[in-house]
Protein backbone atom coordinates (compact mmCIF):
# COMPACT_ATOMS: atom_id res chain seq x y z
CA MET A 1 -1.17 -4.57 24.26
CA PRO A 2 1.11 -2.19 22.76
CA THR A 3 0.50 1.05 22.46
CA LYS A 4 -1.49 2.80 19.20
CA THR A 5 -0.91 5.41 16.93
CA PHE A 6 -3.47 7.57 14.57
CA SER A 7 0.04 7.90 12.42
CA LEU A 8 1.92 5.71 10.61
CA LEU A 9 5.18 4.76 11.80
CA PRO A 10 8.55 6.35 11.05
CA VAL A 11 10.01 5.13 8.03
CA VAL A 12 13.17 6.08 9.51
CA VAL A 13 12.59 3.78 12.46
CA ALA A 14 12.02 1.10 10.41
CA ILE A 15 14.86 0.96 8.37
CA ALA A 16 16.78 1.46 11.56
CA ALA A 17 15.39 -1.55 12.92
CA GLY A 18 15.84 -3.74 9.83
CA ALA A 19 12.00 -3.37 9.65
CA LEU A 20 8.89 -1.95 10.83
CA LEU A 21 7.27 -3.92 13.57
CA SER A 22 3.79 -5.06 12.99
CA THR A 23 1.80 -2.62 15.57
CA PRO A 24 -1.41 -1.55 15.24
CA PRO A 25 -2.16 1.94 14.85
CA ALA A 26 -5.38 3.85 16.15
CA PHE A 27 -7.38 1.53 18.03
CA ALA A 28 -6.48 -1.34 16.01
CA ALA A 29 -5.57 -4.63 17.46
CA ALA A 30 -2.82 -6.51 19.03
CA HIS A 31 -4.63 -9.79 18.06
CA HIS A 32 -4.81 -9.01 14.36
CA ALA A 33 -6.85 -11.13 12.65
CA ALA A 34 -5.27 -11.73 9.97
CA LYS A 35 -2.09 -29.79 -2.93
CA ALA A 36 -1.02 -29.53 -5.53
CA ALA A 37 1.73 -32.06 -6.73
CA LYS A 38 4.80 -31.68 -4.87
CA PRO A 39 8.19 -30.30 -6.71
CA ALA A 40 10.91 -33.00 -7.52
CA THR A 41 13.12 -32.66 -4.80
CA VAL A 42 16.77 -31.77 -5.35
CA ALA A 43 17.96 -31.21 -1.87
CA LYS A 44 16.20 -33.34 0.76
CA ALA A 45 16.12 -31.88 4.48
CA ALA A 46 16.61 -33.70 7.68
CA PRO A 47 13.31 -34.74 8.91
CA ARG A 48 11.21 -31.76 10.67
CA LYS A 49 10.73 -31.47 14.49
CA LYS A 50 8.10 -31.11 16.57
CA ALA A 51 6.20 -27.74 16.49
CA ALA A 52 7.31 -26.20 19.80
CA GLU A 53 11.05 -26.44 18.44
CA ASP A 54 10.44 -25.10 15.07
CA LEU A 55 9.38 -22.11 16.82
CA THR A 56 12.91 -21.37 18.22
CA GLN A 57 15.51 -23.61 16.04
CA GLY A 58 13.88 -23.40 12.43
CA LEU A 59 11.80 -25.55 10.53
CA ALA A 60 14.05 -27.25 7.78
CA ALA A 61 12.70 -27.93 3.87
CA ASP A 62 11.13 -30.83 2.93
CA SER A 63 11.35 -29.96 -0.66
CA ALA A 64 13.72 -27.60 -2.20
CA LEU A 65 14.83 -27.28 -5.53
CA ALA A 66 18.61 -25.83 -4.76
CA ALA A 67 21.03 -26.47 -2.39
CA ASN A 68 20.55 -25.08 1.34
CA PRO A 69 17.33 -23.16 1.69
CA PRO A 70 17.11 -21.69 5.00
CA ALA A 71 15.44 -23.63 8.14
CA LEU A 72 12.84 -21.41 9.44
CA PRO A 73 11.06 -20.79 12.99
CA ALA A 74 7.30 -21.25 11.99
CA LYS A 75 5.03 -23.93 11.43
CA ALA A 76 4.69 -23.60 7.46
CA TRP A 77 6.64 -22.14 5.30
CA LEU A 78 7.20 -21.87 1.20
CA LEU A 79 8.58 -20.12 -1.58
CA MET A 80 6.69 -19.93 -5.19
CA ASP A 81 7.53 -18.71 -8.29
CA PHE A 82 5.23 -16.52 -9.28
CA ASP A 83 5.24 -17.03 -13.64
CA SER A 84 5.19 -20.94 -13.38
CA GLY A 85 3.61 -21.37 -10.08
CA GLU A 86 6.24 -23.86 -9.15
CA VAL A 87 7.28 -24.27 -5.35
CA LEU A 88 10.94 -23.58 -5.33
CA ALA A 89 11.26 -24.77 -1.67
CA SER A 90 8.46 -25.61 1.16
CA ALA A 91 8.14 -27.05 4.83
CA ASN A 92 5.21 -28.33 5.84
CA ALA A 93 3.44 -26.37 3.01
CA ASP A 94 0.13 -28.69 2.90
CA GLU A 95 -1.08 -28.91 6.76
CA PRO A 96 -3.79 -26.62 7.06
CA LEU A 97 -3.66 -24.36 10.05
CA PRO A 98 -5.26 -21.52 11.16
CA PRO A 99 -4.75 -18.52 8.95
CA ALA A 100 -5.64 -15.45 10.36
CA SER A 101 -6.14 -12.59 8.56
CA LEU A 102 -4.69 -14.19 5.58
CA THR A 103 -7.98 -14.91 5.33
CA LYS A 104 -8.78 -11.48 3.78
CA MET A 105 -7.20 -11.87 0.78
CA MET A 106 -9.75 -14.32 -0.55
CA THR A 107 -12.42 -11.35 0.60
CA SER A 108 -10.53 -9.27 -1.50
CA TYR A 109 -9.89 -11.50 -4.33
CA LEU A 110 -13.74 -11.88 -4.73
CA VAL A 111 -14.30 -8.24 -4.33
CA GLU A 112 -12.05 -7.31 -6.90
CA GLN A 113 -13.47 -10.19 -9.35
CA ALA A 114 -16.86 -8.81 -8.63
CA LEU A 115 -15.58 -5.28 -9.71
CA ARG A 116 -13.70 -6.60 -12.60
CA SER A 117 -17.14 -8.64 -13.81
CA GLY A 118 -18.92 -5.43 -12.90
CA LYS A 119 -21.13 -6.91 -10.14
CA LEU A 120 -19.82 -4.50 -8.11
CA LYS A 121 -18.48 -0.86 -8.75
CA GLN A 122 -15.90 0.89 -7.19
CA THR A 123 -18.93 3.82 -6.48
CA ASP A 124 -21.35 1.40 -5.10
CA LEU A 125 -22.53 1.72 -0.90
CA VAL A 126 -21.97 -0.48 1.35
CA SER A 127 -23.99 -0.44 4.97
CA VAL A 128 -22.82 -1.16 8.20
CA SER A 129 -24.57 -3.20 10.09
CA GLN A 130 -24.91 -4.01 14.06
CA ASN A 131 -22.97 -7.27 12.91
CA ALA A 132 -20.42 -5.73 10.93
CA TRP A 133 -19.53 -2.76 13.18
CA CYS A 134 -16.56 -2.52 15.50
CA ARG A 135 -17.21 -1.31 18.59
CA GLY A 136 -13.67 0.02 19.52
CA SER A 137 -12.53 -3.24 20.96
CA SER A 138 -8.92 -4.00 21.69
CA THR A 139 -8.78 -7.25 20.39
CA GLU A 140 -9.84 -6.91 16.66
CA SER A 141 -8.40 -4.57 13.71
CA CYS A 142 -10.99 -2.28 12.29
CA MET A 143 -11.23 0.00 9.69
CA TYR A 144 -13.86 2.04 11.92
CA LEU A 145 -16.85 2.38 10.10
CA PRO A 146 -19.73 4.38 11.59
CA LEU A 147 -22.67 2.28 12.63
CA ASN A 148 -25.45 2.30 10.17
CA SER A 149 -22.99 4.14 7.85
CA GLN A 150 -22.31 3.30 4.53
CA ALA A 151 -18.53 3.72 2.86
CA THR A 152 -18.15 3.09 -0.82
CA VAL A 153 -16.79 -0.51 -2.23
CA ILE A 154 -13.10 0.92 -2.86
CA ASP A 155 -12.87 2.48 0.46
CA ILE A 156 -14.18 -0.98 1.68
CA LEU A 157 -11.21 -2.82 -0.40
CA ARG A 158 -8.25 -0.15 0.77
CA GLY A 159 -10.11 -1.01 4.49
CA ILE A 160 -9.44 -4.69 4.00
CA ILE A 161 -6.45 -4.78 2.15
CA ILE A 162 -4.62 -1.77 4.04
CA GLN A 163 -6.17 -1.60 7.69
CA SER A 164 -7.07 -5.83 8.09
CA GLY A 165 -10.34 -4.42 8.74
CA ASN A 166 -12.60 -6.75 9.98
CA ASP A 167 -15.89 -4.74 9.98
CA ALA A 168 -15.05 -4.03 6.67
CA SER A 169 -14.87 -7.74 5.88
CA LYS A 170 -18.07 -8.35 7.48
CA ALA A 171 -19.96 -5.06 5.83
CA ILE A 172 -18.94 -6.70 1.97
CA ALA A 173 -19.87 -9.85 2.83
CA GLU A 174 -23.23 -8.91 3.96
CA HIS A 175 -23.15 -6.52 0.91
CA MET A 176 -22.62 -9.51 -1.72
CA ALA A 177 -24.30 -12.51 -0.06
CA GLY A 178 -26.30 -11.11 2.75
CA SER A 179 -24.50 -12.95 5.44
CA GLU A 180 -20.73 -13.98 6.73
CA GLU A 181 -21.95 -17.53 6.06
CA GLY A 182 -23.13 -16.90 2.53
CA PHE A 183 -20.15 -15.09 2.17
CA ALA A 184 -17.83 -18.03 3.47
CA LYS A 185 -19.73 -20.32 0.91
CA LEU A 186 -18.27 -18.09 -1.98
CA MET A 187 -14.83 -18.26 -0.87
CA ASN A 188 -14.92 -21.78 -0.18
CA ALA A 189 -16.63 -22.60 -3.76
CA GLU A 190 -13.62 -20.05 -5.45
CA ALA A 191 -11.06 -21.95 -3.07
CA GLN A 192 -12.04 -25.09 -4.90
CA ARG A 193 -11.66 -23.45 -8.35
CA LEU A 194 -8.14 -22.07 -7.62
CA GLY A 195 -6.98 -25.85 -6.48
CA MET A 196 -6.61 -24.72 -2.65
CA ALA A 197 -7.34 -28.21 -1.75
CA HIS A 198 -6.42 -27.67 2.13
CA THR A 199 -8.42 -25.03 2.82
CA HIS A 200 -12.04 -24.36 4.63
CA PHE A 201 -13.09 -20.80 5.36
CA MET A 202 -15.82 -20.01 7.79
CA ASN A 203 -16.04 -16.30 7.88
CA PRO A 204 -14.34 -13.59 5.56
CA THR A 205 -12.12 -11.99 8.67
CA GLY A 206 -10.04 -15.03 9.59
CA LEU A 207 -11.20 -14.81 13.52
CA PRO A 208 -10.47 -18.05 14.91
CA ASP A 209 -13.00 -20.93 14.54
CA PRO A 210 -11.72 -24.89 14.16
CA ASP A 211 -12.98 -25.45 11.09
CA HIS A 212 -11.22 -21.88 9.72
CA LYS A 213 -8.14 -23.53 8.11
CA SER A 214 -5.73 -23.17 5.19
CA SER A 215 -2.15 -24.40 4.45
CA ALA A 216 0.76 -22.33 3.09
CA ARG A 217 0.94 -23.59 -0.38
CA ASP A 218 -3.08 -22.79 -0.64
CA LEU A 219 -2.15 -19.30 0.68
CA ALA A 220 0.58 -19.15 -1.91
CA VAL A 221 -2.04 -19.98 -4.99
CA LEU A 222 -4.15 -17.46 -3.79
CA ALA A 223 -1.71 -14.63 -3.96
CA ARG A 224 -0.63 -15.82 -7.12
CA ALA A 225 -4.11 -15.33 -8.36
CA ILE A 226 -4.71 -12.23 -6.82
CA ILE A 227 -1.32 -10.82 -9.07
CA ARG A 228 -2.40 -12.71 -11.80
CA ASP A 229 -6.17 -11.75 -12.11
CA SER A 230 -6.17 -8.43 -10.27
CA ALA A 231 -3.63 -6.13 -12.27
CA ASP A 232 -5.76 -2.85 -11.47
CA TYR A 233 -6.39 -3.60 -7.62
CA TYR A 234 -2.87 -5.39 -6.98
CA PRO A 235 -1.11 -1.80 -6.34
CA ILE A 236 -3.15 -1.25 -3.33
CA TYR A 237 -1.60 -4.19 -1.61
CA ALA A 238 1.79 -1.93 -1.49
CA GLU A 239 -0.05 0.94 -0.25
CA ARG A 240 1.86 1.90 3.26
CA GLU A 241 -1.41 3.85 4.51
CA PHE A 242 -4.73 4.69 4.72
CA LYS A 243 -7.17 7.38 6.45
CA TYR A 244 -11.00 6.82 7.00
CA ASN A 245 -13.42 8.33 9.38
CA GLY A 246 -10.51 10.82 10.02
CA ILE A 247 -8.30 7.51 11.63
CA LYS A 248 -5.23 6.82 9.73
CA GLN A 249 -4.12 3.34 9.86
CA GLY A 250 -0.63 2.11 8.27
CA ASN A 251 0.17 -1.33 6.73
CA ARG A 252 1.63 -3.86 8.71
CA ASN A 253 3.55 -5.61 6.43
CA ALA A 254 7.02 -4.01 7.65
CA LEU A 255 8.81 -5.05 4.58
CA LEU A 256 6.82 -2.48 2.26
CA TYR A 257 9.17 0.24 4.32
CA THR A 258 12.61 -1.78 3.66
CA ASP A 259 12.40 -3.36 0.62
CA PRO A 260 11.27 -1.53 -2.52
CA SER A 261 11.13 -4.99 -4.65
CA VAL A 262 7.98 -6.13 -1.90
CA ASP A 263 4.71 -5.08 -3.06
CA GLY A 264 2.34 -7.20 -1.34
CA LEU A 265 0.46 -9.03 0.33
CA LYS A 266 -1.05 -9.50 3.57
CA THR A 267 0.02 -10.29 7.39
CA GLY A 268 -2.15 -12.03 10.28
CA HIS A 269 -2.13 -12.50 13.60
CA THR A 270 -3.95 -14.14 16.38
CA GLU A 271 -3.04 -16.22 19.13
CA GLU A 272 -3.98 -19.33 17.47
CA ALA A 273 -2.24 -18.70 14.19
CA GLY A 274 0.61 -17.06 15.47
CA TYR A 275 2.25 -14.44 13.30
CA CYS A 276 1.56 -14.70 9.57
CA LEU A 277 2.57 -13.17 6.56
CA VAL A 278 2.22 -13.43 2.60
CA THR A 279 4.68 -11.25 0.70
CA SER A 280 5.14 -10.73 -3.02
CA SER A 281 8.72 -9.76 -4.47
CA LYS A 282 10.09 -8.48 -8.08
CA ARG A 283 13.38 -8.34 -8.77
CA ASN A 284 15.43 -8.53 -12.42
CA GLY A 285 12.38 -9.94 -14.00
CA MET A 286 11.70 -12.70 -11.49
CA ARG A 287 8.49 -12.53 -9.06
CA LEU A 288 8.64 -14.84 -6.09
CA ILE A 289 5.86 -15.52 -3.76
CA THR A 290 6.54 -16.04 -0.04
CA ALA A 291 4.23 -17.31 2.58
CA ILE A 292 5.02 -17.85 6.66
CA LEU A 293 2.37 -19.69 8.77
CA ASN A 294 3.07 -19.46 12.61
CA THR A 295 5.82 -17.65 13.49
CA HIS A 296 6.19 -16.07 17.12
CA SER A 297 6.67 -12.13 16.63
CA ALA A 298 5.79 -9.49 14.17
CA GLN A 299 9.80 -9.33 13.96
CA ALA A 300 10.48 -12.79 12.95
CA ARG A 301 7.86 -12.73 10.11
CA ALA A 302 9.64 -9.91 8.51
CA ASP A 303 12.99 -11.25 9.14
CA GLU A 304 11.90 -14.91 7.98
CA THR A 305 10.31 -13.71 4.81
CA ARG A 306 13.77 -11.67 3.81
CA ALA A 307 15.68 -14.57 4.68
CA LEU A 308 13.72 -16.49 2.52
CA LEU A 309 13.21 -14.07 -0.42
CA GLY A 310 17.14 -13.54 -0.18
CA TRP A 311 18.04 -17.42 -0.82
CA GLY A 312 15.28 -17.44 -3.57
CA PHE A 313 16.70 -14.87 -5.54
CA SER A 314 20.29 -15.71 -5.20
CA ASN A 315 19.74 -19.31 -5.74
CA PHE A 316 17.61 -19.02 -9.14
CA GLU A 317 17.59 -17.04 -12.26
CA LYS A 318 15.25 -16.99 -15.44
CA ALA A 319 16.28 -18.97 -18.41
CA THR A 320 14.38 -18.88 -22.07
CA PRO A 321 14.51 -22.14 -23.37
CA ILE A 322 13.13 -21.38 -26.63
CA GLN A 323 12.75 -17.86 -28.45
CA ALA A 324 8.48 -16.94 -28.60
CA ASP A 325 9.29 -16.55 -32.62
CA ALA A 326 10.83 -19.92 -32.99
CA VAL A 327 9.57 -22.74 -35.47
CA VAL A 328 11.00 -25.88 -33.54
CA GLY A 329 9.14 -28.30 -35.45
CA LYS A 330 6.81 -29.49 -38.68
CA ALA A 331 3.54 -31.62 -37.96
CA LYS A 332 2.49 -33.93 -40.99
CA VAL A 333 -0.95 -32.86 -41.78
CA ALA A 334 -3.30 -35.70 -43.20
CA PHE A 335 -6.19 -34.36 -46.10
CA GLY A 336 -4.66 -30.74 -46.23
CA LYS A 337 -3.61 -28.50 -49.04
CA ALA A 338 -0.29 -28.81 -47.21
CA ASP A 339 1.66 -31.66 -46.09
CA THR A 340 2.88 -30.03 -43.04
CA VAL A 341 2.44 -27.07 -40.83
CA ASP A 342 5.07 -25.70 -38.72
CA ALA A 343 4.80 -25.54 -35.03
CA GLY A 344 5.83 -23.03 -32.43
CA LEU A 345 5.23 -21.10 -28.93
CA GLY A 346 1.57 -19.66 -28.34
CA ALA A 347 3.22 -17.34 -25.95
CA PRO A 348 6.78 -16.43 -24.35
CA TRP A 349 8.11 -19.23 -22.18
CA THR A 350 10.11 -18.56 -19.46
CA LEU A 351 11.47 -20.99 -16.39
CA THR A 352 12.71 -20.10 -13.20
CA VAL A 353 15.78 -22.54 -12.48
CA PRO A 354 18.59 -22.99 -10.02
CA ARG A 355 21.45 -20.36 -11.06
CA GLY A 356 23.88 -22.35 -13.62
CA GLN A 357 21.53 -25.07 -14.32
CA GLN A 358 21.47 -26.28 -18.29
CA VAL A 359 18.03 -26.66 -19.80
CA GLN A 360 16.99 -28.97 -22.32
CA THR A 361 14.19 -29.71 -24.40
CA SER A 362 12.10 -32.00 -26.30
CA VAL A 363 9.23 -31.47 -28.78
CA GLU A 364 6.19 -33.64 -29.38
CA LEU A 365 4.10 -33.16 -31.92
CA LYS A 366 0.41 -34.85 -32.88
CA SER A 367 0.27 -37.62 -35.25
CA ASP A 368 -3.29 -38.03 -35.69
CA LEU A 369 -3.52 -33.82 -37.16
CA GLU A 370 -6.31 -34.13 -39.99
CA ALA A 371 -6.51 -30.77 -42.09
CA PRO A 372 -8.66 -27.96 -41.60
CA VAL A 373 -6.22 -26.90 -38.63
CA ALA A 374 -6.72 -23.16 -37.64
CA LYS A 375 -3.47 -21.03 -37.12
CA GLY A 376 -2.63 -21.20 -33.00
CA SER A 377 -4.48 -24.37 -32.49
CA VAL A 378 -2.49 -26.78 -30.29
CA ILE A 379 -0.89 -29.08 -31.81
CA GLY A 380 2.46 -30.40 -29.42
CA LYS A 381 3.99 -29.54 -26.18
CA VAL A 382 8.11 -28.77 -25.69
CA VAL A 383 8.72 -30.28 -22.25
CA ALA A 384 11.97 -29.15 -20.52
CA THR A 385 14.42 -31.06 -18.62
CA SER A 386 17.68 -30.17 -16.32
CA ASN A 387 19.63 -32.82 -14.84
CA GLY A 388 17.10 -35.23 -16.29
CA LYS A 389 13.93 -33.88 -14.05
CA PRO A 390 11.16 -32.13 -16.05
CA VAL A 391 11.25 -28.60 -15.07
CA GLY A 392 8.21 -26.73 -17.06
CA GLU A 393 6.30 -27.68 -20.11
CA ALA A 394 4.82 -25.33 -22.89
CA GLN A 395 1.95 -25.62 -25.78
CA LEU A 396 3.18 -25.76 -29.40
CA VAL A 397 0.25 -24.10 -31.84
CA ALA A 398 0.08 -24.00 -35.73
CA GLN A 399 1.83 -21.51 -37.44
CA ALA A 400 -1.04 -21.15 -40.21
CA ASP A 401 -3.75 -22.34 -41.27
CA VAL A 402 -3.82 -25.52 -43.36
CA GLU A 403 -7.27 -26.22 -45.20
CA ARG A 404 -8.81 -28.89 -46.06
CA ALA A 405 -7.76 -30.81 -49.34
CA GLY A 406 -10.44 -31.21 -52.55
CA LEU A 407 -12.15 -34.22 -52.76
CA LEU A 408 -9.78 -35.57 -55.43
CA LEU A 409 -6.93 -35.07 -53.30
CA ARG A 410 -8.21 -35.84 -50.61
CA ALA A 411 -8.81 -39.35 -52.06
CA TRP A 412 -5.32 -39.55 -53.48
CA GLN A 413 -3.76 -38.85 -50.09
CA HIS A 414 -6.00 -41.60 -48.48
CA LEU A 415 -4.99 -43.80 -51.16
CA ALA A 416 -1.05 -43.21 -50.79
CA ARG A 417 -1.71 -43.82 -46.96
CA MET A 418 -3.20 -46.69 -47.52
CA PHE A 419 -0.46 -48.17 -49.01
CA GLY A 420 2.33 -46.59 -46.94
CA LYS A 421 3.10 -43.34 -49.84
């Protein structure tokens, strides 16, 4: 059991070591509780080895969109492009595994969404029950909320994200749903809504339970949702320390101290789950998400994430197949004051593709448009391909209103269509 400290481990030591080890601070625990369709495969790896061998020799990718992805000594791993949600490389991405405190990403996400909707306020007080209270045990990570005390929602949120507090997670679960079991139902409903097909939550903390599972792909999907939907609160995931009740604890995500491009998200560790890490990094306008499940040490989860991010940023780049203001075609409109309407993108469109790879586009417009057509309504799509394989698509929308023609003009157009004119 590593010795605990009330203060943040010196950054200088982290840099010299290549990563800040995930040593729990004051009273925090060593046992840190912490299917979508597969992408087209360009580089096919050799069959995976047994789990015991994987943790020492590396688990090779079973799907990758560029050559030579790293083999990582973990039970599962994944690299995702944030903008598109496309998986760039993965191994064993859909196996349900114990997620440990990565679970708390869903706990914090539900709190953030409740704050966004007004169901919670940052200043609301959360009570600490006997069940939620952390008894000073060395077997779990805690925020160290005093028994029968109250803490604000925003402090609780920081305690969940930065200190990985089991007490904070239990307290907010009871506040929002009456019990941990009731909150787990909210967690599972949200997981289903997000398409987390291989996830089932039993509690808000990630403490071991045989039915508490998630997958690398699902956790990356959740991370993407947090970044996309929680803009006001996402900066908390990059905070390096938080002091509460006189106890200062440091964020266990080692990359926050050594890689300025990393700004989240969460670590996890139990004996069953091993060492886990979900991370996001943004460089030169491209954001990538990684998920590493069940590796053998805190150092390993940081090193493996560095390797995966390095490969991703080195092998992929952003492409803009069509400019946002470009007209890409004219859709025919029946029974309108105009015969056609310009089609263009409804929003800026970028893709993440292997470096140097050319992207082609093809336009598909609806053939049965009838007036009236409202500006901004979807009238088709554009499909991007590379090396003959689809790499993305975007909606095309009407660039102007087309009003319905008068009765006489519509009658004439109808006759013209009947006689093929």
